[in-house]
Amino acid sequence: MHIAIAGNIGSGKSSLTQLLAKHYGWEPRYEAVEGNPYLEDYYRDIHRWSFNLEVYFLKERFRDLIAIAETDHTIIQDRTIFEGVYVFMANNHAMGNLTNRDYDTYMELFHQMMSLVKLPDLMIYLRASVPHLVSNIQQRGRDYEQTIQLEYLQNLNARYDDFIYKKYKGRVMTVEKDQLDFIHNPKDLSQIIDRIDAELFGLFSPHNSHL
């Protein structure tokens, strides 16, 4: 199986990926942040480095999808190729950080890739407010994230909702993150695990469910 964790910057994707991987014995795959050759440059000059960063992420996420398709065990993935396209790339294009020419080239490459892969078996969407995201970003203290603008996070949140509820065709489980602390509160983590069990192994549940 392929389980994906989706959500904005600071929503807790990596932490939930780690906790669920430990609980279920799944193999975690994390987004390529450390060692990314474009990330710091991107946050210093978004307009200049957007295309480079987006192509790098697309390449990394497509490589992960190919590897996931070839495995015989369950993978849980921190952020997906679909978010990279329909949230981050779309947002950068709308903000004028990429030319139409670069955007069209990127989208053509993405559609060619999609002919070779399938959707995750379950996508878990961590939905969080901007104040919650800002608090988490400040707490983890990555230098290159401290200059992120509130408007940028707000735009990403709007695009996440649009992507999840209007564009994505796969199975989604929405978790309202503001109300939960699954890192420090075992009961909150258990709630999420119970819902995953119901989605994957238990009784019939709606195509989109909410917590």
C-alpha atoms as a PDB file:
ATOM      1  CA  MET A   1       0.000   0.000   0.000  1.00  0.00           C
ATOM      2  CA  HIS A   2       0.924   3.630  -0.450  1.00  0.00           C
ATOM      3  CA  ILE A   3      -0.148   6.032   2.311  1.00  0.00           C
ATOM      4  CA  ALA A   4       0.508   9.752   1.863  1.00  0.00           C
ATOM      5  CA  ILE A   5       0.592  12.598   4.381  1.00  0.00           C
ATOM      6  CA  ALA A   6      -0.409  15.957   2.872  1.00  0.00           C
ATOM      7  CA  GLY A   7      -0.357  19.412   4.435  1.00  0.00           C
ATOM      8  CA  ASN A   8       1.106  22.885   4.478  1.00  0.00           C
ATOM      9  CA  ILE A   9       4.537  23.870   5.782  1.00  0.00           C
ATOM     10  CA  GLY A  10       4.555  23.304   9.551  1.00  0.00           C
ATOM     11  CA  SER A  11       1.413  21.165   9.683  1.00  0.00           C
ATOM     12  CA  GLY A  12       3.214  18.176  11.226  1.00  0.00           C
ATOM     13  CA  LYS A  13       3.583  15.868   8.212  1.00  0.00           C
ATOM     14  CA  SER A  14       7.038  14.557   9.071  1.00  0.00           C
ATOM     15  CA  SER A  15       6.135  13.932  12.712  1.00  0.00           C
ATOM     16  CA  LEU A  16       2.954  12.038  11.821  1.00  0.00           C
ATOM     17  CA  THR A  17       4.799  10.067   9.160  1.00  0.00           C
ATOM     18  CA  GLN A  18       7.349   8.984  11.743  1.00  0.00           C
ATOM     19  CA  LEU A  19       4.740   8.065  14.365  1.00  0.00           C
ATOM     20  CA  LEU A  20       2.566   6.060  11.965  1.00  0.00           C
ATOM     21  CA  ALA A  21       5.553   4.288  10.472  1.00  0.00           C
ATOM     22  CA  LYS A  22       6.567   3.179  13.953  1.00  0.00           C
ATOM     23  CA  HIS A  23       3.043   2.109  14.909  1.00  0.00           C
ATOM     24  CA  TYR A  24       2.251   0.095  11.774  1.00  0.00           C
ATOM     25  CA  GLY A  25       5.741  -1.017  10.821  1.00  0.00           C
ATOM     26  CA  TRP A  26       5.488   0.871   7.535  1.00  0.00           C
ATOM     27  CA  GLU A  27       8.504   2.233   5.682  1.00  0.00           C
ATOM     28  CA  PRO A  28       8.660   6.050   5.865  1.00  0.00           C
ATOM     29  CA  ARG A  29       9.710   8.250   2.953  1.00  0.00           C
ATOM     30  CA  TYR A  30      10.439  11.851   3.788  1.00  0.00           C
ATOM     31  CA  GLU A  31      10.461  14.916   1.602  1.00  0.00           C
ATOM     32  CA  ALA A  32      13.926  15.888   0.389  1.00  0.00           C
ATOM     33  CA  VAL A  33      14.558  18.995   2.499  1.00  0.00           C
ATOM     34  CA  GLU A  34      18.019  18.396   3.904  1.00  0.00           C
ATOM     35  CA  GLY A  35      20.541  18.480   1.097  1.00  0.00           C
ATOM     36  CA  ASN A  36      18.176  20.253  -1.289  1.00  0.00           C
ATOM     37  CA  PRO A  37      20.525  22.475  -3.339  1.00  0.00           C
ATOM     38  CA  TYR A  38      17.875  25.123  -4.064  1.00  0.00           C
ATOM     39  CA  LEU A  39      15.860  25.569  -0.870  1.00  0.00           C
ATOM     40  CA  GLU A  40      17.835  28.318   0.875  1.00  0.00           C
ATOM     41  CA  ASP A  41      18.276  30.231  -2.381  1.00  0.00           C
ATOM     42  CA  TYR A  42      14.536  29.900  -2.998  1.00  0.00           C
ATOM     43  CA  TYR A  43      13.534  31.544   0.271  1.00  0.00           C
ATOM     44  CA  ARG A  44      16.047  34.355  -0.348  1.00  0.00           C
ATOM     45  CA  ASP A  45      14.822  35.032  -3.901  1.00  0.00           C
ATOM     46  CA  ILE A  46      11.595  33.175  -4.724  1.00  0.00           C
ATOM     47  CA  HIS A  47      11.191  34.713  -8.161  1.00  0.00           C
ATOM     48  CA  ARG A  48      14.656  33.678  -9.331  1.00  0.00           C
ATOM     49  CA  TRP A  49      14.705  30.121  -7.985  1.00  0.00           C
ATOM     50  CA  SER A  50      11.079  28.901  -8.186  1.00  0.00           C
ATOM     51  CA  PHE A  51      11.415  26.917 -11.408  1.00  0.00           C
ATOM     52  CA  ASN A  52      14.653  25.284 -10.280  1.00  0.00           C
ATOM     53  CA  LEU A  53      13.193  24.294  -6.930  1.00  0.00           C
ATOM     54  CA  GLU A  54       9.938  22.965  -8.387  1.00  0.00           C
ATOM     55  CA  VAL A  55      11.700  20.833 -10.999  1.00  0.00           C
ATOM     56  CA  TYR A  56      14.011  19.437  -8.311  1.00  0.00           C
ATOM     57  CA  PHE A  57      11.056  18.466  -6.110  1.00  0.00           C
ATOM     58  CA  LEU A  58       9.206  16.986  -9.091  1.00  0.00           C
ATOM     59  CA  LYS A  59      12.216  14.839  -9.920  1.00  0.00           C
ATOM     60  CA  GLU A  60      12.597  13.645  -6.323  1.00  0.00           C
ATOM     61  CA  ARG A  61       8.893  12.864  -5.870  1.00  0.00           C
ATOM     62  CA  PHE A  62       8.644  11.012  -9.167  1.00  0.00           C
ATOM     63  CA  ARG A  63      11.660   8.917  -8.194  1.00  0.00           C
ATOM     64  CA  ASP A  64       9.898   8.084  -4.916  1.00  0.00           C
ATOM     65  CA  LEU A  65       6.709   7.054  -6.751  1.00  0.00           C
ATOM     66  CA  ILE A  66       8.627   4.698  -9.008  1.00  0.00           C
ATOM     67  CA  ALA A  67      10.330   3.131  -5.987  1.00  0.00           C
ATOM     68  CA  ILE A  68       7.006   2.849  -4.122  1.00  0.00           C
ATOM     69  CA  ALA A  69       5.383   1.098  -7.099  1.00  0.00           C
ATOM     70  CA  GLU A  70       8.164  -1.493  -7.076  1.00  0.00           C
ATOM     71  CA  THR A  71       7.952  -2.368  -3.361  1.00  0.00           C
ATOM     72  CA  ASP A  72       5.998  -5.258  -1.863  1.00  0.00           C
ATOM     73  CA  HIS A  73       5.313  -3.577   1.488  1.00  0.00           C
ATOM     74  CA  THR A  74       3.513  -0.457   2.712  1.00  0.00           C
ATOM     75  CA  ILE A  75       5.142   2.944   2.275  1.00  0.00           C
ATOM     76  CA  ILE A  76       4.043   6.082   4.118  1.00  0.00           C
ATOM     77  CA  GLN A  77       5.128   9.231   2.300  1.00  0.00           C
ATOM     78  CA  ASP A  78       5.708  12.749   3.643  1.00  0.00           C
ATOM     79  CA  ARG A  79       4.096  15.023   0.979  1.00  0.00           C
ATOM     80  CA  THR A  80       3.233  13.909  -2.552  1.00  0.00           C
ATOM     81  CA  ILE A  81       3.991  14.838  -6.120  1.00  0.00           C
ATOM     82  CA  PHE A  82       0.383  16.048  -6.471  1.00  0.00           C
ATOM     83  CA  GLU A  83       0.785  18.759  -3.827  1.00  0.00           C
ATOM     84  CA  GLY A  84       3.994  19.886  -5.438  1.00  0.00           C
ATOM     85  CA  VAL A  85       2.087  20.478  -8.660  1.00  0.00           C
ATOM     86  CA  TYR A  86      -1.392  21.636  -7.630  1.00  0.00           C
ATOM     87  CA  VAL A  87      -0.400  23.617  -4.532  1.00  0.00           C
ATOM     88  CA  PHE A  88       3.189  24.866  -4.592  1.00  0.00           C
ATOM     89  CA  MET A  89       3.816  25.096  -8.324  1.00  0.00           C
ATOM     90  CA  ALA A  90       0.356  26.542  -8.988  1.00  0.00           C
ATOM     91  CA  ASN A  91       0.854  29.107  -6.239  1.00  0.00           C
ATOM     92  CA  ASN A  92       4.251  30.186  -7.534  1.00  0.00           C
ATOM     93  CA  HIS A  93       2.853  30.552 -11.039  1.00  0.00           C
ATOM     94  CA  ALA A  94      -0.126  32.609  -9.804  1.00  0.00           C
ATOM     95  CA  MET A  95       2.221  34.888  -7.843  1.00  0.00           C
ATOM     96  CA  GLY A  96       4.239  35.583 -10.985  1.00  0.00           C
ATOM     97  CA  ASN A  97       7.298  33.685  -9.800  1.00  0.00           C
ATOM     98  CA  LEU A  98       7.357  31.539 -12.950  1.00  0.00           C
ATOM     99  CA  THR A  99       6.799  32.485 -16.551  1.00  0.00           C
ATOM    100  CA  ASN A 100       4.033  30.847 -18.555  1.00  0.00           C
ATOM    101  CA  ARG A 101       6.727  29.154 -20.622  1.00  0.00           C
ATOM    102  CA  ASP A 102       8.333  27.552 -17.553  1.00  0.00           C
ATOM    103  CA  TYR A 103       4.942  26.560 -16.148  1.00  0.00           C
ATOM    104  CA  ASP A 104       3.844  24.911 -19.410  1.00  0.00           C
ATOM    105  CA  THR A 105       7.129  22.986 -19.623  1.00  0.00           C
ATOM    106  CA  TYR A 106       6.761  21.799 -16.032  1.00  0.00           C
ATOM    107  CA  MET A 107       3.136  20.704 -16.489  1.00  0.00           C
ATOM    108  CA  GLU A 108       3.932  18.785 -19.659  1.00  0.00           C
ATOM    109  CA  LEU A 109       6.663  16.923 -17.795  1.00  0.00           C
ATOM    110  CA  PHE A 110       4.299  16.197 -14.890  1.00  0.00           C
ATOM    111  CA  HIS A 111       1.530  14.797 -17.132  1.00  0.00           C
ATOM    112  CA  GLN A 112       4.024  12.508 -18.836  1.00  0.00           C
ATOM    113  CA  MET A 113       5.115  11.206 -15.433  1.00  0.00           C
ATOM    114  CA  MET A 114       1.519  10.589 -14.342  1.00  0.00           C
ATOM    115  CA  SER A 115       1.007   8.091 -17.151  1.00  0.00           C
ATOM    116  CA  LEU A 116       3.364   5.767 -15.243  1.00  0.00           C
ATOM    117  CA  VAL A 117       2.029   5.963 -11.665  1.00  0.00           C
ATOM    118  CA  LYS A 118      -1.193   5.589  -9.657  1.00  0.00           C
ATOM    119  CA  LEU A 119      -2.795   7.464  -6.776  1.00  0.00           C
ATOM    120  CA  PRO A 120      -1.987   6.612  -3.121  1.00  0.00           C
ATOM    121  CA  ASP A 121      -4.341   4.167  -1.405  1.00  0.00           C
ATOM    122  CA  LEU A 122      -5.047   6.829   1.242  1.00  0.00           C
ATOM    123  CA  MET A 123      -4.077  10.472   1.583  1.00  0.00           C
ATOM    124  CA  ILE A 124      -4.186  11.951   5.091  1.00  0.00           C
ATOM    125  CA  TYR A 125      -4.645  15.725   4.886  1.00  0.00           C
ATOM    126  CA  LEU A 126      -3.381  17.693   7.894  1.00  0.00           C
ATOM    127  CA  ARG A 127      -5.451  20.874   7.737  1.00  0.00           C
ATOM    128  CA  ALA A 128      -4.112  23.710   9.922  1.00  0.00           C
ATOM    129  CA  SER A 129      -4.712  27.435  10.364  1.00  0.00           C
ATOM    130  CA  VAL A 130      -1.979  29.954   9.575  1.00  0.00           C
ATOM    131  CA  PRO A 131      -1.349  30.839  13.276  1.00  0.00           C
ATOM    132  CA  HIS A 132      -0.887  27.129  14.014  1.00  0.00           C
ATOM    133  CA  LEU A 133       1.544  26.773  11.100  1.00  0.00           C
ATOM    134  CA  VAL A 134       3.525  29.847  12.165  1.00  0.00           C
ATOM    135  CA  SER A 135       3.845  28.541  15.727  1.00  0.00           C
ATOM    136  CA  ASN A 136       5.186  25.199  14.510  1.00  0.00           C
ATOM    137  CA  ILE A 137       7.590  26.839  12.040  1.00  0.00           C
ATOM    138  CA  GLN A 138       8.989  29.064  14.787  1.00  0.00           C
ATOM    139  CA  GLN A 139       9.381  26.155  17.183  1.00  0.00           C
ATOM    140  CA  ARG A 140      11.399  23.992  14.803  1.00  0.00           C
ATOM    141  CA  GLY A 141      13.674  26.908  14.005  1.00  0.00           C
ATOM    142  CA  ARG A 142      14.838  26.256  10.448  1.00  0.00           C
ATOM    143  CA  ASP A 143      16.610  29.464   9.451  1.00  0.00           C
ATOM    144  CA  TYR A 144      15.424  29.457   5.842  1.00  0.00           C
ATOM    145  CA  GLU A 145      11.761  29.174   6.950  1.00  0.00           C
ATOM    146  CA  GLN A 146      11.761  32.156   9.292  1.00  0.00           C
ATOM    147  CA  THR A 147      11.303  34.630   6.413  1.00  0.00           C
ATOM    148  CA  ILE A 148       8.162  32.949   5.056  1.00  0.00           C
ATOM    149  CA  GLN A 149       5.404  35.538   4.656  1.00  0.00           C
ATOM    150  CA  LEU A 150       1.946  35.072   6.185  1.00  0.00           C
ATOM    151  CA  GLU A 151       0.362  35.767   2.806  1.00  0.00           C
ATOM    152  CA  TYR A 152       2.354  32.909   1.316  1.00  0.00           C
ATOM    153  CA  LEU A 153       1.050  30.462   3.939  1.00  0.00           C
ATOM    154  CA  GLN A 154      -2.509  31.767   3.476  1.00  0.00           C
ATOM    155  CA  ASN A 155      -2.288  31.250  -0.277  1.00  0.00           C
ATOM    156  CA  LEU A 156      -0.982  27.726   0.196  1.00  0.00           C
ATOM    157  CA  ASN A 157      -3.807  26.890   2.619  1.00  0.00           C
ATOM    158  CA  ALA A 158      -6.402  28.045   0.090  1.00  0.00           C
ATOM    159  CA  ARG A 159      -4.768  25.997  -2.651  1.00  0.00           C
ATOM    160  CA  TYR A 160      -4.572  22.928  -0.409  1.00  0.00           C
ATOM    161  CA  ASP A 161      -8.323  23.060   0.210  1.00  0.00           C
ATOM    162  CA  ASP A 162      -8.982  23.563  -3.501  1.00  0.00           C
ATOM    163  CA  PHE A 163      -6.700  20.663  -4.399  1.00  0.00           C
ATOM    164  CA  ILE A 164      -8.029  18.233  -1.789  1.00  0.00           C
ATOM    165  CA  TYR A 165     -11.736  18.948  -2.158  1.00  0.00           C
ATOM    166  CA  LYS A 166     -12.028  19.848  -5.856  1.00  0.00           C
ATOM    167  CA  LYS A 167      -9.150  18.357  -7.844  1.00  0.00           C
ATOM    168  CA  TYR A 168      -7.860  15.221  -6.138  1.00  0.00           C
ATOM    169  CA  LYS A 169      -9.653  12.002  -7.166  1.00  0.00           C
ATOM    170  CA  GLY A 170      -8.287   9.608  -4.559  1.00  0.00           C
ATOM    171  CA  ARG A 171      -9.370   8.654  -1.036  1.00  0.00           C
ATOM    172  CA  VAL A 172      -8.770  11.421   1.538  1.00  0.00           C
ATOM    173  CA  MET A 173      -8.942  11.508   5.327  1.00  0.00           C
ATOM    174  CA  THR A 174      -8.917  15.083   6.669  1.00  0.00           C
ATOM    175  CA  VAL A 175      -7.433  15.760  10.112  1.00  0.00           C
ATOM    176  CA  GLU A 176      -8.092  19.181  11.647  1.00  0.00           C
ATOM    177  CA  LYS A 177      -4.651  19.716  13.114  1.00  0.00           C
ATOM    178  CA  ASP A 178      -5.350  22.800  15.286  1.00  0.00           C
ATOM    179  CA  GLN A 179      -7.411  20.658  17.638  1.00  0.00           C
ATOM    180  CA  LEU A 180      -4.846  17.892  18.043  1.00  0.00           C
ATOM    181  CA  ASP A 181      -1.371  17.381  19.488  1.00  0.00           C
ATOM    182  CA  PHE A 182      -0.508  13.876  18.326  1.00  0.00           C
ATOM    183  CA  ILE A 183       3.171  14.355  19.214  1.00  0.00           C
ATOM    184  CA  HIS A 184       2.620  14.902  22.937  1.00  0.00           C
ATOM    185  CA  ASN A 185      -0.862  13.457  23.470  1.00  0.00           C
ATOM    186  CA  PRO A 186      -1.170   9.674  22.887  1.00  0.00           C
ATOM    187  CA  LYS A 187      -4.981   9.922  22.855  1.00  0.00           C
ATOM    188  CA  ASP A 188      -4.874  12.279  19.880  1.00  0.00           C
ATOM    189  CA  LEU A 189      -2.580   9.901  17.993  1.00  0.00           C
ATOM    190  CA  SER A 190      -4.874   6.995  18.866  1.00  0.00           C
ATOM    191  CA  GLN A 191      -7.822   8.880  17.375  1.00  0.00           C
ATOM    192  CA  ILE A 192      -5.996   9.199  14.080  1.00  0.00           C
ATOM    193  CA  ILE A 193      -4.894   5.558  14.129  1.00  0.00           C
ATOM    194  CA  ASP A 194      -8.472   4.409  14.789  1.00  0.00           C
ATOM    195  CA  ARG A 195      -9.666   6.361  11.774  1.00  0.00           C
ATOM    196  CA  ILE A 196      -6.903   4.967   9.562  1.00  0.00           C
ATOM    197  CA  ASP A 197      -7.824   1.438  10.681  1.00  0.00           C
ATOM    198  CA  ALA A 198     -11.433   2.109   9.730  1.00  0.00           C
ATOM    199  CA  GLU A 199     -10.450   3.549   6.333  1.00  0.00           C
ATOM    200  CA  LEU A 200      -8.058   0.760   5.382  1.00  0.00           C
ATOM    201  CA  PHE A 201      -9.172  -2.339   7.253  1.00  0.00           C
ATOM    202  CA  GLY A 202     -12.535  -1.752   8.918  1.00  0.00           C
ATOM    203  CA  LEU A 203     -16.126  -0.893   8.219  1.00  0.00           C
ATOM    204  CA  PHE A 204     -17.247   1.208   5.265  1.00  0.00           C
ATOM    205  CA  SER A 205     -16.398   4.873   5.627  1.00  0.00           C
ATOM    206  CA  PRO A 206     -17.163   7.907   3.422  1.00  0.00           C
ATOM    207  CA  HIS A 207     -14.862   8.776   0.540  1.00  0.00           C
ATOM    208  CA  ASN A 208     -13.803  11.893   2.449  1.00  0.00           C
ATOM    209  CA  SER A 209     -13.904  11.835   6.240  1.00  0.00           C
ATOM    210  CA  HIS A 210     -13.127  14.540   8.771  1.00  0.00           C
ATOM    211  CA  LEU A 211     -11.838  14.899  12.323  1.00  0.00           C
END
